[in-house]
Amino acid sequence: MTHLKLRRSFATLPAALAALALCASGARGQNQASGTPPQKPAEDVVRVETELVQTDVMVFDKQGKFVEGLGREQFEVHVDGRV
């Protein structure tokens, strides 16, 4: 390579770097100019409504006698055949 060609190559390098920097800052400026941050993908949302129903329970054995001292884990309450 001659001195003249080498000089031209080095002369265009700063111009190319400046153009690249302008393009990069312009792309960054477009995102900031809109004022809205990039949106995150929507997450699945599950909404459930429940009602708490408190029920007083009395348990009787097969002879009809009242059974005392049972804890909640010792029996099940069924409504319309469902637990």
N, C-alpha and C. Protein backbone atom coordinates (compact mmCIF):
# COMPACT_ATOMS: atom_id res chain seq x y z
N MET A 1 0.84 -1.17 0.00
CA MET A 1 0.00 0.00 0.00
C MET A 1 0.89 1.24 0.00
N THR A 2 0.49 2.18 -0.77
CA THR A 2 1.29 3.42 -0.80
C THR A 2 0.85 4.34 0.31
N HIS A 3 1.65 5.37 0.55
CA HIS A 3 1.33 6.34 1.58
C HIS A 3 0.00 7.02 1.34
N LEU A 4 -0.32 7.30 0.07
CA LEU A 4 -1.56 8.01 -0.27
C LEU A 4 -2.77 7.15 0.05
N LYS A 5 -2.74 5.87 -0.32
CA LYS A 5 -3.87 4.98 -0.03
C LYS A 5 -4.02 4.77 1.48
N LEU A 6 -2.92 4.63 2.16
CA LEU A 6 -2.94 4.44 3.60
C LEU A 6 -3.54 5.65 4.30
N ARG A 7 -3.19 6.84 3.83
CA ARG A 7 -3.72 8.07 4.41
C ARG A 7 -5.22 8.17 4.19
N ARG A 8 -5.70 7.80 3.01
CA ARG A 8 -7.15 7.85 2.73
C ARG A 8 -7.91 6.88 3.64
N SER A 9 -7.34 5.70 3.87
CA SER A 9 -7.99 4.72 4.73
C SER A 9 -8.13 5.27 6.14
N PHE A 10 -7.08 5.87 6.66
CA PHE A 10 -7.14 6.44 8.01
C PHE A 10 -8.01 7.68 8.06
N ALA A 11 -8.13 8.40 6.95
CA ALA A 11 -8.96 9.60 6.92
C ALA A 11 -10.44 9.24 6.95
N THR A 12 -10.83 8.13 6.36
CA THR A 12 -12.24 7.74 6.35
C THR A 12 -12.65 7.03 7.63
N LEU A 13 -11.71 6.51 8.38
CA LEU A 13 -12.02 5.79 9.62
C LEU A 13 -12.75 6.67 10.63
N PRO A 14 -12.28 7.87 10.96
CA PRO A 14 -13.02 8.71 11.91
C PRO A 14 -14.42 9.06 11.41
N ALA A 15 -14.57 9.29 10.12
CA ALA A 15 -15.88 9.62 9.57
C ALA A 15 -16.82 8.43 9.70
N ALA A 16 -16.32 7.24 9.46
CA ALA A 16 -17.14 6.04 9.58
C ALA A 16 -17.54 5.81 11.03
N LEU A 17 -16.62 6.01 11.96
CA LEU A 17 -16.93 5.85 13.38
C LEU A 17 -17.95 6.89 13.85
N ALA A 18 -17.83 8.12 13.36
CA ALA A 18 -18.78 9.17 13.72
C ALA A 18 -20.17 8.83 13.20
N ALA A 19 -20.26 8.33 11.98
CA ALA A 19 -21.55 7.95 11.40
C ALA A 19 -22.18 6.80 12.19
N LEU A 20 -21.37 5.85 12.59
CA LEU A 20 -21.87 4.73 13.38
C LEU A 20 -22.38 5.21 14.73
N ALA A 21 -21.65 6.12 15.36
CA ALA A 21 -22.08 6.65 16.66
C ALA A 21 -23.39 7.41 16.53
N LEU A 22 -23.56 8.18 15.47
CA LEU A 22 -24.81 8.92 15.26
C LEU A 22 -25.99 7.97 15.06
N CYS A 23 -25.77 6.92 14.29
CA CYS A 23 -26.85 5.95 14.07
C CYS A 23 -27.25 5.27 15.37
N ALA A 24 -26.26 4.90 16.17
CA ALA A 24 -26.55 4.22 17.43
C ALA A 24 -27.28 5.14 18.39
N SER A 25 -26.86 6.40 18.48
CA SER A 25 -27.54 7.32 19.40
C SER A 25 -28.93 7.66 18.90
N GLY A 26 -29.14 7.69 17.61
CA GLY A 26 -30.47 7.96 17.06
C GLY A 26 -31.43 6.83 17.37
N ALA A 27 -30.96 5.61 17.29
CA ALA A 27 -31.82 4.46 17.61
C ALA A 27 -32.17 4.45 19.08
N ARG A 28 -31.20 4.81 19.94
CA ARG A 28 -31.48 4.87 21.37
C ARG A 28 -32.43 6.01 21.68
N GLY A 29 -32.29 7.11 21.00
CA GLY A 29 -33.14 8.27 21.23
C GLY A 29 -34.59 8.02 20.85
N GLN A 30 -34.82 7.17 19.86
CA GLN A 30 -36.20 6.87 19.47
C GLN A 30 -36.94 6.17 20.59
N ASN A 31 -36.30 5.25 21.28
CA ASN A 31 -36.95 4.55 22.38
C ASN A 31 -37.24 5.50 23.53
N GLN A 32 -36.34 6.43 23.81
CA GLN A 32 -36.52 7.36 24.91
C GLN A 32 -37.53 8.44 24.55
N ALA A 33 -37.62 8.81 23.29
CA ALA A 33 -38.52 9.89 22.88
C ALA A 33 -39.98 9.49 23.04
N SER A 34 -40.29 8.22 22.88
CA SER A 34 -41.69 7.81 22.99
C SER A 34 -42.21 7.94 24.41
N GLY A 35 -41.32 7.92 25.40
CA GLY A 35 -41.73 8.10 26.78
C GLY A 35 -42.33 6.87 27.43
N THR A 36 -42.51 5.81 26.68
CA THR A 36 -43.08 4.60 27.26
C THR A 36 -42.00 3.54 27.32
N PRO A 37 -41.86 2.91 28.46
CA PRO A 37 -40.88 1.83 28.56
C PRO A 37 -41.34 0.64 27.75
N PRO A 38 -40.43 -0.21 27.33
CA PRO A 38 -40.86 -1.40 26.58
C PRO A 38 -41.78 -2.25 27.43
N GLN A 39 -42.81 -2.78 26.80
CA GLN A 39 -43.81 -3.55 27.54
C GLN A 39 -43.30 -4.95 27.81
N LYS A 40 -43.61 -5.43 29.01
CA LYS A 40 -43.28 -6.80 29.37
C LYS A 40 -44.40 -7.69 28.85
N PRO A 41 -44.09 -8.93 28.51
CA PRO A 41 -45.17 -9.82 28.08
C PRO A 41 -46.17 -10.03 29.22
N ALA A 42 -47.43 -10.10 28.86
CA ALA A 42 -48.48 -10.27 29.86
C ALA A 42 -48.34 -11.62 30.56
N GLU A 43 -48.51 -11.60 31.87
CA GLU A 43 -48.47 -12.83 32.64
C GLU A 43 -49.89 -13.35 32.81
N ASP A 44 -50.04 -14.65 32.93
CA ASP A 44 -51.35 -15.24 33.15
C ASP A 44 -51.87 -14.81 34.52
N VAL A 45 -53.13 -14.43 34.56
CA VAL A 45 -53.75 -14.01 35.81
C VAL A 45 -54.96 -14.89 36.06
N VAL A 46 -55.03 -15.44 37.25
CA VAL A 46 -56.18 -16.26 37.64
C VAL A 46 -56.89 -15.54 38.78
N ARG A 47 -58.17 -15.26 38.58
CA ARG A 47 -58.96 -14.61 39.62
C ARG A 47 -60.02 -15.61 40.08
N VAL A 48 -60.16 -15.74 41.39
CA VAL A 48 -61.10 -16.69 41.96
C VAL A 48 -61.89 -15.98 43.05
N GLU A 49 -63.19 -16.20 43.03
CA GLU A 49 -64.04 -15.67 44.10
C GLU A 49 -64.48 -16.84 44.97
N THR A 50 -64.42 -16.66 46.27
CA THR A 50 -64.85 -17.70 47.19
C THR A 50 -65.72 -17.09 48.27
N GLU A 51 -66.50 -17.94 48.89
CA GLU A 51 -67.30 -17.53 50.04
C GLU A 51 -66.95 -18.44 51.19
N LEU A 52 -66.69 -17.85 52.33
CA LEU A 52 -66.42 -18.63 53.52
C LEU A 52 -67.75 -18.90 54.21
N VAL A 53 -68.02 -20.17 54.40
CA VAL A 53 -69.26 -20.56 55.08
C VAL A 53 -68.86 -21.30 56.35
N GLN A 54 -69.20 -20.71 57.48
CA GLN A 54 -68.91 -21.37 58.75
C GLN A 54 -70.15 -22.15 59.17
N THR A 55 -69.92 -23.40 59.54
CA THR A 55 -71.02 -24.29 59.88
C THR A 55 -70.75 -24.95 61.22
N ASP A 56 -71.75 -24.86 62.09
CA ASP A 56 -71.66 -25.61 63.35
C ASP A 56 -72.06 -27.05 63.04
N VAL A 57 -71.28 -27.98 63.53
CA VAL A 57 -71.51 -29.39 63.22
C VAL A 57 -71.69 -30.17 64.52
N MET A 58 -72.70 -31.05 64.49
CA MET A 58 -72.89 -31.99 65.60
C MET A 58 -72.84 -33.39 65.01
N VAL A 59 -72.07 -34.27 65.65
CA VAL A 59 -71.89 -35.62 65.14
C VAL A 59 -72.55 -36.59 66.11
N PHE A 60 -73.33 -37.53 65.49
CA PHE A 60 -74.02 -38.56 66.28
C PHE A 60 -73.57 -39.92 65.78
N ASP A 61 -73.50 -40.89 66.69
CA ASP A 61 -73.14 -42.24 66.29
C ASP A 61 -74.37 -42.98 65.79
N LYS A 62 -74.24 -44.29 65.48
CA LYS A 62 -75.35 -45.07 64.93
C LYS A 62 -76.50 -45.23 65.90
N GLN A 63 -76.23 -45.13 67.18
CA GLN A 63 -77.30 -45.23 68.18
C GLN A 63 -77.93 -43.86 68.46
N GLY A 64 -77.46 -42.83 67.77
CA GLY A 64 -78.04 -41.50 67.95
C GLY A 64 -77.44 -40.72 69.10
N LYS A 65 -76.36 -41.23 69.66
CA LYS A 65 -75.72 -40.52 70.77
C LYS A 65 -74.72 -39.49 70.22
N PHE A 66 -74.67 -38.37 70.89
CA PHE A 66 -73.77 -37.28 70.52
C PHE A 66 -72.32 -37.71 70.72
N VAL A 67 -71.46 -37.45 69.73
CA VAL A 67 -70.03 -37.79 69.80
C VAL A 67 -69.26 -36.51 70.08
N GLU A 68 -68.53 -36.52 71.19
CA GLU A 68 -67.77 -35.32 71.57
C GLU A 68 -66.29 -35.49 71.25
N GLY A 69 -65.60 -34.36 71.17
CA GLY A 69 -64.14 -34.37 71.07
C GLY A 69 -63.56 -34.64 69.70
N LEU A 70 -64.37 -34.60 68.66
CA LEU A 70 -63.82 -34.82 67.32
C LEU A 70 -63.14 -33.55 66.82
N GLY A 71 -62.02 -33.74 66.16
CA GLY A 71 -61.34 -32.63 65.51
C GLY A 71 -61.82 -32.49 64.08
N ARG A 72 -61.53 -31.37 63.49
CA ARG A 72 -62.01 -31.12 62.12
C ARG A 72 -61.46 -32.12 61.12
N GLU A 73 -60.29 -32.70 61.38
CA GLU A 73 -59.70 -33.66 60.45
C GLU A 73 -60.30 -35.05 60.58
N GLN A 74 -61.21 -35.25 61.53
CA GLN A 74 -61.78 -36.58 61.76
C GLN A 74 -63.13 -36.79 61.09
N PHE A 75 -63.61 -35.82 60.35
CA PHE A 75 -64.85 -36.02 59.60
C PHE A 75 -64.87 -35.09 58.39
N GLU A 76 -65.80 -35.38 57.46
CA GLU A 76 -65.96 -34.56 56.26
C GLU A 76 -67.38 -34.06 56.19
N VAL A 77 -67.56 -32.89 55.63
CA VAL A 77 -68.89 -32.33 55.42
C VAL A 77 -69.20 -32.47 53.93
N HIS A 78 -70.34 -33.09 53.63
CA HIS A 78 -70.77 -33.27 52.24
C HIS A 78 -71.99 -32.41 51.99
N VAL A 79 -71.98 -31.68 50.87
CA VAL A 79 -73.14 -30.88 50.45
C VAL A 79 -73.47 -31.31 49.03
N ASP A 80 -74.69 -31.78 48.82
CA ASP A 80 -75.12 -32.28 47.51
C ASP A 80 -74.16 -33.35 46.98
N GLY A 81 -73.70 -34.22 47.87
CA GLY A 81 -72.83 -35.32 47.46
C GLY A 81 -71.39 -34.93 47.21
N ARG A 82 -71.04 -33.70 47.44
CA ARG A 82 -69.67 -33.24 47.22
C ARG A 82 -69.01 -32.90 48.55
N VAL A 83 -67.72 -33.18 48.64
CA VAL A 83 -66.97 -32.87 49.86
C VAL A 83 -66.72 -31.38 49.92
